[in-house]
Every structure is written in C-alpha cells, then in structure tokens.
Amino acid sequence: MGKGSLLQLSDAFILRCDEAEVRYDASIITNGFLLDEATCRELAAQRVSSVQVGIDGPPTVHDRMRPLNNGRGSFHTILANLHKAVDYLNVETP
C-alpha cells in the first residue's frame, strides 16, 4: 500500500468517525528513517498520535544491523528525526 493509499484510507476513517461522533486516533510502528518534520506534521494532521521507533542499540550496533541499501548507517538520521518528531507525536522506543 502506497503513502497516497494510506492517507486516503486514513481520511475515510476520520470522516466516518467524525460523522458518528466517535474519537479516532492512530499509532504507527516505523524504523524512523523517513520520519522527518514534514512527515510528522502530516501524520499529526491525520490524527496519528503516537509512533514506535525501533533502534537496535548504539550507533555502531544499529548501523550494522540496519544498513541502508548503499551500506551506510541510518542511526544518526533516525536520531535527528526523533528530535523533531517529539514536537508532533508521542514517541516510544521498545
């Protein structure tokens, strides 16, 4: 399911819940790599209230366990994203 489809589905849920006067919010689980500020704003607007981000330890361990396609690490990008995400979402790490 693409991002557009997910947002359309979310819009449909929100509309139906609003019509029925039912509270709606959502949570997501992500690796956090694409969780930049613009995405956090968009998620919050879609009533995503919390995000769980998996981190596999300190930078050297995490980057070894979750390398990008180009072989580079993802830890520092994720950490920078989390510093912004907390302004928009309740952030949890398992």
PDB file of N, CA and C in Angstrom:
ATOM      1  N   MET A   1       0.858  -1.171   0.000  1.00  0.00           N
ATOM      2  CA  MET A   1       0.000   0.000   0.000  1.00  0.00           C
ATOM      3  C   MET A   1       0.903   1.233   0.000  1.00  0.00           C
ATOM      4  N   GLY A   2       0.685   2.138  -0.922  1.00  0.00           N
ATOM      5  CA  GLY A   2       1.484   3.345  -1.017  1.00  0.00           C
ATOM      6  C   GLY A   2       1.035   4.407  -0.039  1.00  0.00           C
ATOM      7  N   LYS A   3       1.871   5.449   0.077  1.00  0.00           N
ATOM      8  CA  LYS A   3       1.569   6.533   1.013  1.00  0.00           C
ATOM      9  C   LYS A   3       0.234   7.195   0.687  1.00  0.00           C
ATOM     10  N   GLY A   4      -0.033   7.407  -0.614  1.00  0.00           N
ATOM     11  CA  GLY A   4      -1.299   8.026  -1.013  1.00  0.00           C
ATOM     12  C   GLY A   4      -2.497   7.199  -0.588  1.00  0.00           C
ATOM     13  N   SER A   5      -2.395   5.879  -0.771  1.00  0.00           N
ATOM     14  CA  SER A   5      -3.486   4.982  -0.379  1.00  0.00           C
ATOM     15  C   SER A   5      -3.697   5.007   1.124  1.00  0.00           C
ATOM     16  N   LEU A   6      -2.612   5.020   1.867  1.00  0.00           N
ATOM     17  CA  LEU A   6      -2.707   5.045   3.322  1.00  0.00           C
ATOM     18  C   LEU A   6      -3.379   6.332   3.805  1.00  0.00           C
ATOM     19  N   LEU A   7      -3.016   7.452   3.208  1.00  0.00           N
ATOM     20  CA  LEU A   7      -3.629   8.723   3.595  1.00  0.00           C
ATOM     21  C   LEU A   7      -5.111   8.757   3.215  1.00  0.00           C
ATOM     22  N   GLN A   8      -5.461   8.181   2.070  1.00  0.00           N
ATOM     23  CA  GLN A   8      -6.873   8.125   1.667  1.00  0.00           C
ATOM     24  C   GLN A   8      -7.671   7.257   2.637  1.00  0.00           C
ATOM     25  N   LEU A   9      -7.096   6.146   3.038  1.00  0.00           N
ATOM     26  CA  LEU A   9      -7.763   5.275   3.999  1.00  0.00           C
ATOM     27  C   LEU A   9      -7.936   5.997   5.333  1.00  0.00           C
ATOM     28  N   SER A  10      -6.914   6.698   5.758  1.00  0.00           N
ATOM     29  CA  SER A  10      -6.986   7.463   6.998  1.00  0.00           C
ATOM     30  C   SER A  10      -8.080   8.530   6.910  1.00  0.00           C
ATOM     31  N   ASP A  11      -8.144   9.225   5.779  1.00  0.00           N
ATOM     32  CA  ASP A  11      -9.198  10.233   5.581  1.00  0.00           C
ATOM     33  C   ASP A  11     -10.586   9.607   5.704  1.00  0.00           C
ATOM     34  N   ALA A  12     -10.754   8.421   5.144  1.00  0.00           N
ATOM     35  CA  ALA A  12     -12.045   7.736   5.208  1.00  0.00           C
ATOM     36  C   ALA A  12     -12.394   7.366   6.651  1.00  0.00           C
ATOM     37  N   PHE A  13     -11.406   6.878   7.405  1.00  0.00           N
ATOM     38  CA  PHE A  13     -11.640   6.548   8.815  1.00  0.00           C
ATOM     39  C   PHE A  13     -12.033   7.789   9.608  1.00  0.00           C
ATOM     40  N   ILE A  14     -11.302   8.863   9.395  1.00  0.00           N
ATOM     41  CA  ILE A  14     -11.576  10.110  10.109  1.00  0.00           C
ATOM     42  C   ILE A  14     -12.977  10.612   9.793  1.00  0.00           C
ATOM     43  N   LEU A  15     -13.342  10.612   8.526  1.00  0.00           N
ATOM     44  CA  LEU A  15     -14.663  11.078   8.119  1.00  0.00           C
ATOM     45  C   LEU A  15     -15.766  10.253   8.781  1.00  0.00           C
ATOM     46  N   ARG A  16     -15.651   8.946   8.727  1.00  0.00           N
ATOM     47  CA  ARG A  16     -16.687   8.082   9.315  1.00  0.00           C
ATOM     48  C   ARG A  16     -16.772   8.257  10.833  1.00  0.00           C
ATOM     49  N   CYS A  17     -15.621   8.368  11.461  1.00  0.00           N
ATOM     50  CA  CYS A  17     -15.632   8.559  12.918  1.00  0.00           C
ATOM     51  C   CYS A  17     -16.220   9.912  13.288  1.00  0.00           C
ATOM     52  N   ASP A  18     -15.854  10.949  12.545  1.00  0.00           N
ATOM     53  CA  ASP A  18     -16.421  12.267  12.821  1.00  0.00           C
ATOM     54  C   ASP A  18     -17.935  12.265  12.630  1.00  0.00           C
ATOM     55  N   GLU A  19     -18.412  11.622  11.572  1.00  0.00           N
ATOM     56  CA  GLU A  19     -19.854  11.553  11.320  1.00  0.00           C
ATOM     57  C   GLU A  19     -20.583  10.814  12.452  1.00  0.00           C
ATOM     58  N   ALA A  20     -19.934   9.803  13.007  1.00  0.00           N
ATOM     59  CA  ALA A  20     -20.545   9.017  14.083  1.00  0.00           C
ATOM     60  C   ALA A  20     -20.217   9.577  15.465  1.00  0.00           C
ATOM     61  N   GLU A  21     -19.501  10.706  15.488  1.00  0.00           N
ATOM     62  CA  GLU A  21     -19.071  11.332  16.734  1.00  0.00           C
ATOM     63  C   GLU A  21     -18.293  10.354  17.619  1.00  0.00           C
ATOM     64  N   VAL A  22     -17.379   9.626  16.961  1.00  0.00           N
ATOM     65  CA  VAL A  22     -16.506   8.668  17.629  1.00  0.00           C
ATOM     66  C   VAL A  22     -15.081   9.202  17.564  1.00  0.00           C
ATOM     67  N   ARG A  23     -14.385   9.121  18.682  1.00  0.00           N
ATOM     68  CA  ARG A  23     -12.991   9.585  18.727  1.00  0.00           C
ATOM     69  C   ARG A  23     -12.122   8.662  17.873  1.00  0.00           C
ATOM     70  N   TYR A  24     -11.224   9.254  17.096  1.00  0.00           N
ATOM     71  CA  TYR A  24     -10.302   8.481  16.260  1.00  0.00           C
ATOM     72  C   TYR A  24      -8.889   8.989  16.457  1.00  0.00           C
ATOM     73  N   ASP A  25      -7.976   8.070  16.676  1.00  0.00           N
ATOM     74  CA  ASP A  25      -6.553   8.369  16.573  1.00  0.00           C
ATOM     75  C   ASP A  25      -5.861   7.085  16.153  1.00  0.00           C
ATOM     76  N   ALA A  26      -4.617   7.197  15.769  1.00  0.00           N
ATOM     77  CA  ALA A  26      -3.877   6.051  15.249  1.00  0.00           C
ATOM     78  C   ALA A  26      -2.456   6.066  15.781  1.00  0.00           C
ATOM     79  N   SER A  27      -1.826   4.919  15.668  1.00  0.00           N
ATOM     80  CA  SER A  27      -0.424   4.754  16.040  1.00  0.00           C
ATOM     81  C   SER A  27       0.276   4.058  14.882  1.00  0.00           C
ATOM     82  N   ILE A  28       1.576   4.283  14.765  1.00  0.00           N
ATOM     83  CA  ILE A  28       2.353   3.587  13.742  1.00  0.00           C
ATOM     84  C   ILE A  28       3.631   3.029  14.363  1.00  0.00           C
ATOM     85  N   ILE A  29       4.165   2.042  13.697  1.00  0.00           N
ATOM     86  CA  ILE A  29       5.471   1.485  14.032  1.00  0.00           C
ATOM     87  C   ILE A  29       6.355   1.702  12.815  1.00  0.00           C
ATOM     88  N   THR A  30       7.553   2.228  13.026  1.00  0.00           N
ATOM     89  CA  THR A  30       8.435   2.581  11.916  1.00  0.00           C
ATOM     90  C   THR A  30       9.892   2.450  12.331  1.00  0.00           C
ATOM     91  N   ASN A  31      10.765   2.385  11.345  1.00  0.00           N
ATOM     92  CA  ASN A  31      12.197   2.430  11.659  1.00  0.00           C
ATOM     93  C   ASN A  31      12.660   3.872  11.860  1.00  0.00           C
ATOM     94  N   GLY A  32      11.815   4.849  11.530  1.00  0.00           N
ATOM     95  CA  GLY A  32      12.108   6.255  11.785  1.00  0.00           C
ATOM     96  C   GLY A  32      12.940   6.961  10.745  1.00  0.00           C
ATOM     97  N   PHE A  33      13.424   6.244   9.745  1.00  0.00           N
ATOM     98  CA  PHE A  33      14.333   6.862   8.783  1.00  0.00           C
ATOM     99  C   PHE A  33      13.656   7.957   7.963  1.00  0.00           C
ATOM    100  N   LEU A  34      12.403   7.787   7.612  1.00  0.00           N
ATOM    101  CA  LEU A  34      11.685   8.787   6.805  1.00  0.00           C
ATOM    102  C   LEU A  34      10.804   9.710   7.650  1.00  0.00           C
ATOM    103  N   LEU A  35      10.980   9.668   8.956  1.00  0.00           N
ATOM    104  CA  LEU A  35      10.122  10.419   9.879  1.00  0.00           C
ATOM    105  C   LEU A  35      10.640  11.849  10.062  1.00  0.00           C
ATOM    106  N   ASP A  36      10.751  12.574   8.951  1.00  0.00           N
ATOM    107  CA  ASP A  36      11.236  13.954   9.015  1.00  0.00           C
ATOM    108  C   ASP A  36      10.110  14.874   9.503  1.00  0.00           C
ATOM    109  N   GLU A  37      10.418  16.144   9.653  1.00  0.00           N
ATOM    110  CA  GLU A  37       9.448  17.078  10.223  1.00  0.00           C
ATOM    111  C   GLU A  37       8.180  17.192   9.388  1.00  0.00           C
ATOM    112  N   ALA A  38       8.311  17.237   8.072  1.00  0.00           N
ATOM    113  CA  ALA A  38       7.130  17.343   7.209  1.00  0.00           C
ATOM    114  C   ALA A  38       6.239  16.114   7.365  1.00  0.00           C
ATOM    115  N   THR A  39       6.836  14.955   7.435  1.00  0.00           N
ATOM    116  CA  THR A  39       6.063  13.730   7.616  1.00  0.00           C
ATOM    117  C   THR A  39       5.381  13.717   8.976  1.00  0.00           C
ATOM    118  N   CYS A  40       6.063  14.186  10.002  1.00  0.00           N
ATOM    119  CA  CYS A  40       5.457  14.254  11.343  1.00  0.00           C
ATOM    120  C   CYS A  40       4.257  15.179  11.353  1.00  0.00           C
ATOM    121  N   ARG A  41       4.354  16.321  10.696  1.00  0.00           N
ATOM    122  CA  ARG A  41       3.219  17.242  10.598  1.00  0.00           C
ATOM    123  C   ARG A  41       2.049  16.580   9.880  1.00  0.00           C
ATOM    124  N   GLU A  42       2.347  15.892   8.796  1.00  0.00           N
ATOM    125  CA  GLU A  42       1.306  15.214   8.022  1.00  0.00           C
ATOM    126  C   GLU A  42       0.650  14.114   8.848  1.00  0.00           C
ATOM    127  N   LEU A  43       1.438  13.331   9.567  1.00  0.00           N
ATOM    128  CA  LEU A  43       0.888  12.271  10.406  1.00  0.00           C
ATOM    129  C   LEU A  43       0.004  12.843  11.512  1.00  0.00           C
ATOM    130  N   ALA A  44       0.459  13.904  12.157  1.00  0.00           N
ATOM    131  CA  ALA A  44      -0.331  14.525  13.221  1.00  0.00           C
ATOM    132  C   ALA A  44      -1.657  15.050  12.671  1.00  0.00           C
ATOM    133  N   ALA A  45      -1.635  15.607  11.468  1.00  0.00           N
ATOM    134  CA  ALA A  45      -2.866  16.090  10.837  1.00  0.00           C
ATOM    135  C   ALA A  45      -3.822  14.937  10.533  1.00  0.00           C
ATOM    136  N   GLN A  46      -3.290  13.752  10.340  1.00  0.00           N
ATOM    137  CA  GLN A  46      -4.095  12.549  10.095  1.00  0.00           C
ATOM    138  C   GLN A  46      -4.458  11.845  11.401  1.00  0.00           C
ATOM    139  N   ARG A  47      -4.249  12.545  12.510  1.00  0.00           N
ATOM    140  CA  ARG A  47      -4.590  12.065  13.844  1.00  0.00           C
ATOM    141  C   ARG A  47      -3.767  10.863  14.297  1.00  0.00           C
ATOM    142  N   VAL A  48      -2.562  10.754  13.760  1.00  0.00           N
ATOM    143  CA  VAL A  48      -1.620   9.786  14.321  1.00  0.00           C
ATOM    144  C   VAL A  48      -1.073  10.439  15.583  1.00  0.00           C
ATOM    145  N   SER A  49      -1.273   9.788  16.708  1.00  0.00           N
ATOM    146  CA  SER A  49      -0.884  10.398  17.976  1.00  0.00           C
ATOM    147  C   SER A  49       0.414   9.825  18.535  1.00  0.00           C
ATOM    148  N   SER A  50       0.755   8.601  18.138  1.00  0.00           N
ATOM    149  CA  SER A  50       1.990   8.023  18.672  1.00  0.00           C
ATOM    150  C   SER A  50       2.702   7.205  17.610  1.00  0.00           C
ATOM    151  N   VAL A  51       3.999   7.121  17.786  1.00  0.00           N
ATOM    152  CA  VAL A  51       4.860   6.384  16.865  1.00  0.00           C
ATOM    153  C   VAL A  51       5.852   5.577  17.692  1.00  0.00           C
ATOM    154  N   GLN A  52       6.029   4.328  17.303  1.00  0.00           N
ATOM    155  CA  GLN A  52       7.023   3.478  17.950  1.00  0.00           C
ATOM    156  C   GLN A  52       8.162   3.294  16.958  1.00  0.00           C
ATOM    157  N   VAL A  53       9.380   3.589  17.414  1.00  0.00           N
ATOM    158  CA  VAL A  53      10.552   3.530  16.553  1.00  0.00           C
ATOM    159  C   VAL A  53      11.533   2.518  17.125  1.00  0.00           C
ATOM    160  N   GLY A  54      11.923   1.567  16.285  1.00  0.00           N
ATOM    161  CA  GLY A  54      12.883   0.555  16.715  1.00  0.00           C
ATOM    162  C   GLY A  54      14.314   1.012  16.504  1.00  0.00           C
ATOM    163  N   ILE A  55      15.099   0.936  17.557  1.00  0.00           N
ATOM    164  CA  ILE A  55      16.534   1.238  17.493  1.00  0.00           C
ATOM    165  C   ILE A  55      17.257   0.031  18.076  1.00  0.00           C
ATOM    166  N   ASP A  56      18.256  -0.439  17.378  1.00  0.00           N
ATOM    167  CA  ASP A  56      18.926  -1.682  17.746  1.00  0.00           C
ATOM    168  C   ASP A  56      20.199  -1.489  18.557  1.00  0.00           C
ATOM    169  N   GLY A  57      20.233  -0.453  19.379  1.00  0.00           N
ATOM    170  CA  GLY A  57      21.405  -0.230  20.225  1.00  0.00           C
ATOM    171  C   GLY A  57      22.147   1.030  19.842  1.00  0.00           C
ATOM    172  N   PRO A  58      23.395   1.147  20.316  1.00  0.00           N
ATOM    173  CA  PRO A  58      24.203   2.329  19.993  1.00  0.00           C
ATOM    174  C   PRO A  58      24.497   2.377  18.491  1.00  0.00           C
ATOM    175  N   PRO A  59      24.995   3.519  18.008  1.00  0.00           N
ATOM    176  CA  PRO A  59      25.167   3.707  16.567  1.00  0.00           C
ATOM    177  C   PRO A  59      25.870   2.561  15.840  1.00  0.00           C
ATOM    178  N   THR A  60      26.972   2.078  16.355  1.00  0.00           N
ATOM    179  CA  THR A  60      27.709   1.033  15.626  1.00  0.00           C
ATOM    180  C   THR A  60      26.906  -0.256  15.511  1.00  0.00           C
ATOM    181  N   VAL A  61      26.191  -0.605  16.563  1.00  0.00           N
ATOM    182  CA  VAL A  61      25.368  -1.823  16.524  1.00  0.00           C
ATOM    183  C   VAL A  61      24.167  -1.623  15.603  1.00  0.00           C
ATOM    184  N   HIS A  62      23.462  -0.517  15.787  1.00  0.00           N
ATOM    185  CA  HIS A  62      22.281  -0.243  14.964  1.00  0.00           C
ATOM    186  C   HIS A  62      22.652  -0.219  13.481  1.00  0.00           C
ATOM    187  N   ASP A  63      23.710   0.508  13.135  1.00  0.00           N
ATOM    188  CA  ASP A  63      24.093   0.642  11.731  1.00  0.00           C
ATOM    189  C   ASP A  63      24.528  -0.689  11.124  1.00  0.00           C
ATOM    190  N   ARG A  64      25.109  -1.556  11.922  1.00  0.00           N
ATOM    191  CA  ARG A  64      25.484  -2.883  11.432  1.00  0.00           C
ATOM    192  C   ARG A  64      24.233  -3.742  11.201  1.00  0.00           C
ATOM    193  N   MET A  65      23.235  -3.585  12.074  1.00  0.00           N
ATOM    194  CA  MET A  65      22.014  -4.377  11.976  1.00  0.00           C
ATOM    195  C   MET A  65      21.046  -3.840  10.912  1.00  0.00           C
ATOM    196  N   ARG A  66      21.061  -2.531  10.684  1.00  0.00           N
ATOM    197  CA  ARG A  66      20.105  -1.904   9.765  1.00  0.00           C
ATOM    198  C   ARG A  66      20.795  -0.971   8.779  1.00  0.00           C
ATOM    199  N   PRO A  67      21.668  -1.499   7.945  1.00  0.00           N
ATOM    200  CA  PRO A  67      22.323  -0.627   6.965  1.00  0.00           C
ATOM    201  C   PRO A  67      21.346  -0.206   5.865  1.00  0.00           C
ATOM    202  N   LEU A  68      21.620   0.932   5.279  1.00  0.00           N
ATOM    203  CA  LEU A  68      20.851   1.381   4.121  1.00  0.00           C
ATOM    204  C   LEU A  68      21.274   0.569   2.898  1.00  0.00           C
ATOM    205  N   ASN A  69      20.546   0.695   1.809  1.00  0.00           N
ATOM    206  CA  ASN A  69      20.899  -0.030   0.577  1.00  0.00           C
ATOM    207  C   ASN A  69      22.307   0.281   0.105  1.00  0.00           C
ATOM    208  N   ASN A  70      22.775   1.488   0.371  1.00  0.00           N
ATOM    209  CA  ASN A  70      24.117   1.876  -0.053  1.00  0.00           C
ATOM    210  C   ASN A  70      25.188   1.467   0.964  1.00  0.00           C
ATOM    211  N   GLY A  71      24.775   0.766   2.032  1.00  0.00           N
ATOM    212  CA  GLY A  71      25.720   0.291   3.038  1.00  0.00           C
ATOM    213  C   GLY A  71      25.977   1.270   4.170  1.00  0.00           C
ATOM    214  N   ARG A  72      25.536   2.494   4.031  1.00  0.00           N
ATOM    215  CA  ARG A  72      25.755   3.492   5.073  1.00  0.00           C
ATOM    216  C   ARG A  72      24.791   3.263   6.234  1.00  0.00           C
ATOM    217  N   GLY A  73      25.108   3.873   7.362  1.00  0.00           N
ATOM    218  CA  GLY A  73      24.283   3.730   8.552  1.00  0.00           C
ATOM    219  C   GLY A  73      23.066   4.634   8.545  1.00  0.00           C
ATOM    220  N   SER A  74      22.096   4.281   9.384  1.00  0.00           N
ATOM    221  CA  SER A  74      20.848   5.049   9.473  1.00  0.00           C
ATOM    222  C   SER A  74      20.643   5.682  10.848  1.00  0.00           C
ATOM    223  N   PHE A  75      21.467   5.326  11.827  1.00  0.00           N
ATOM    224  CA  PHE A  75      21.240   5.740  13.209  1.00  0.00           C
ATOM    225  C   PHE A  75      21.141   7.253  13.361  1.00  0.00           C
ATOM    226  N   HIS A  76      22.093   8.001  12.829  1.00  0.00           N
ATOM    227  CA  HIS A  76      22.125   9.447  13.054  1.00  0.00           C
ATOM    228  C   HIS A  76      20.967  10.176  12.366  1.00  0.00           C
ATOM    229  N   THR A  77      20.534   9.674  11.214  1.00  0.00           N
ATOM    230  CA  THR A  77      19.358  10.263  10.556  1.00  0.00           C
ATOM    231  C   THR A  77      18.115  10.025  11.400  1.00  0.00           C
ATOM    232  N   ILE A  78      17.975   8.802  11.906  1.00  0.00           N
ATOM    233  CA  ILE A  78      16.818   8.475  12.746  1.00  0.00           C
ATOM    234  C   ILE A  78      16.822   9.330  14.011  1.00  0.00           C
ATOM    235  N   LEU A  79      17.965   9.456  14.648  1.00  0.00           N
ATOM    236  CA  LEU A  79      18.065  10.264  15.866  1.00  0.00           C
ATOM    237  C   LEU A  79      17.685  11.720  15.598  1.00  0.00           C
ATOM    238  N   ALA A  80      18.172  12.274  14.496  1.00  0.00           N
ATOM    239  CA  ALA A  80      17.814  13.656  14.136  1.00  0.00           C
ATOM    240  C   ALA A  80      16.312  13.773  13.890  1.00  0.00           C
ATOM    241  N   ASN A  81      15.729  12.767  13.245  1.00  0.00           N
ATOM    242  CA  ASN A  81      14.282  12.779  13.006  1.00  0.00           C
ATOM    243  C   ASN A  81      13.508  12.734  14.314  1.00  0.00           C
ATOM    244  N   LEU A  82      13.970  11.939  15.268  1.00  0.00           N
ATOM    245  CA  LEU A  82      13.278  11.827  16.545  1.00  0.00           C
ATOM    246  C   LEU A  82      13.298  13.131  17.333  1.00  0.00           C
ATOM    247  N   HIS A  83      14.379  13.892  17.183  1.00  0.00           N
ATOM    248  CA  HIS A  83      14.449  15.197  17.863  1.00  0.00           C
ATOM    249  C   HIS A  83      13.335  16.123  17.383  1.00  0.00           C
ATOM    250  N   LYS A  84      12.920  15.973  16.131  1.00  0.00           N
ATOM    251  CA  LYS A  84      11.824  16.785  15.588  1.00  0.00           C
ATOM    252  C   LYS A  84      10.468  16.140  15.861  1.00  0.00           C
ATOM    253  N   ALA A  85      10.422  14.808  15.797  1.00  0.00           N
ATOM    254  CA  ALA A  85       9.155  14.079  15.938  1.00  0.00           C
ATOM    255  C   ALA A  85       8.482  14.331  17.275  1.00  0.00           C
ATOM    256  N   VAL A  86       9.268  14.497  18.331  1.00  0.00           N
ATOM    257  CA  VAL A  86       8.678  14.675  19.662  1.00  0.00           C
ATOM    258  C   VAL A  86       7.851  15.955  19.768  1.00  0.00           C
ATOM    259  N   ASP A  87       8.032  16.876  18.842  1.00  0.00           N
ATOM    260  CA  ASP A  87       7.221  18.096  18.829  1.00  0.00           C
ATOM    261  C   ASP A  87       5.813  17.841  18.277  1.00  0.00           C
ATOM    262  N   TYR A  88       5.619  16.709  17.600  1.00  0.00           N
ATOM    263  CA  TYR A  88       4.354  16.420  16.931  1.00  0.00           C
ATOM    264  C   TYR A  88       3.668  15.144  17.425  1.00  0.00           C
ATOM    265  N   LEU A  89       4.446  14.177  17.902  1.00  0.00           N
ATOM    266  CA  LEU A  89       3.927  12.850  18.199  1.00  0.00           C
ATOM    267  C   LEU A  89       4.478  12.345  19.531  1.00  0.00           C
ATOM    268  N   ASN A  90       3.758  11.436  20.146  1.00  0.00           N
ATOM    269  CA  ASN A  90       4.267  10.726  21.311  1.00  0.00           C
ATOM    270  C   ASN A  90       5.188   9.641  20.767  1.00  0.00           C
ATOM    271  N   VAL A  91       6.480   9.718  21.065  1.00  0.00           N
ATOM    272  CA  VAL A  91       7.469   8.792  20.517  1.00  0.00           C
ATOM    273  C   VAL A  91       7.839   7.760  21.561  1.00  0.00           C
ATOM    274  N   GLU A  92       7.786   6.489  21.158  1.00  0.00           N
ATOM    275  CA  GLU A  92       8.148   5.388  22.041  1.00  0.00           C
ATOM    276  C   GLU A  92       9.240   4.562  21.360  1.00  0.00           C
ATOM    277  N   THR A  93      10.131   4.021  22.147  1.00  0.00           N
ATOM    278  CA  THR A  93      11.086   3.048  21.638  1.00  0.00           C
ATOM    279  C   THR A  93      10.907   1.786  22.462  1.00  0.00           C
ATOM    280  N   PRO A  94      10.807   0.642  21.793  1.00  0.00           N
ATOM    281  CA  PRO A  94      10.551  -0.601  22.534  1.00  0.00           C
ATOM    282  C   PRO A  94      11.717  -1.008  23.419  1.00  0.00           C
TER     283      PRO A  94
END
